[in-house]
Amino acid sequence: MKDLIRELYHGASRRAVVFRYAMLVFDIVTIAFLVVSSFAPQLGATHTIDFAIGLVICLDFAARLWISHNRAADLLNPTGIADIVVIVSLLAPIVGEGLAFLRVARMLRLLRSYQTLRRLRQDFVFFRRHEQTINAGVNLAVFVFLMTAIVYETQHYSNEKIQNYADALYFTVATLTTTGFGDVTLNGTDGKMIAVVIMIFGVSLFLRLVQVMIRPHKVEHKCPRCGLKRHDHDAVHCKACGEILNIEDEGAV
């Protein structure tokens, strides 16, 4: 059984690939459900779905710990801690199921894992050609989602202007883009500190990620002489040292 689970999480077989894609889809659906449920009244069915999601995440977390070669490191790393918080918040709603938004950390780790990236490059030509732009877009989306979720979870009980994720997203994007209409503000000292964090760290990161998304496409190929890693896709020589490059391509299309 342990070998089977290890294969599912780390193997290259077809069922392992399908399993990891399924987990990625599950994470995306979980995040989508959290957003959609913020617009609806909290009913018994919602709590039941929360519990079911928490149970699946708990089983996934337990399986990864079981096959881990360093359980302490996996347990105490940021994504491991995030998983624990998510599990507790979903299985024990009294803690506050809103903390389940931290599940986005697991989705980000899946997208950055070697096995997933390799498979995405192999299965999707579009991903292979636009990997840097897609990664920048994912990083931007994750950052905006985290900021939006933090604003929503800290404000929606006490701030009449933050009633759902749309309100929180409106405030977050207005702050990140330095628009600052002023029609929505955060209450209390905590709210002001959150706004400060978004302004200080968010604006620079937001602009940087947008810049990565719109800049000309580069390929990753380390120059054997100077070590420069990013080059134009049709480069013959390294623009830093002049070394001849042998950049692999997919042939004519």
Foldseek 3Di string as FASTA:
>chain_A
DLVVLCCLCDNDDPNSLVSLVVVLVLLVVVLVLLQVCLVDDDDPVSLVVLQVSLVVLVVVLVSCLVNDPDNVCCCPDPLNVLSVVCSCCNNPVVVPNLSVLSSVVVSLVSCVDPSNVVVCVVPPVVCVQQVQLVNLVSVLVSVLSVLLSVQLVVACVPAVQRRGSVSSSVVLVCLLVVVCPPPDAGDDPVRVVSSVCCNPVVNVSNVVSVCSNPDDDWAADADPPPGDGTDRPPDQADPVPRHGDDDDDDPDD
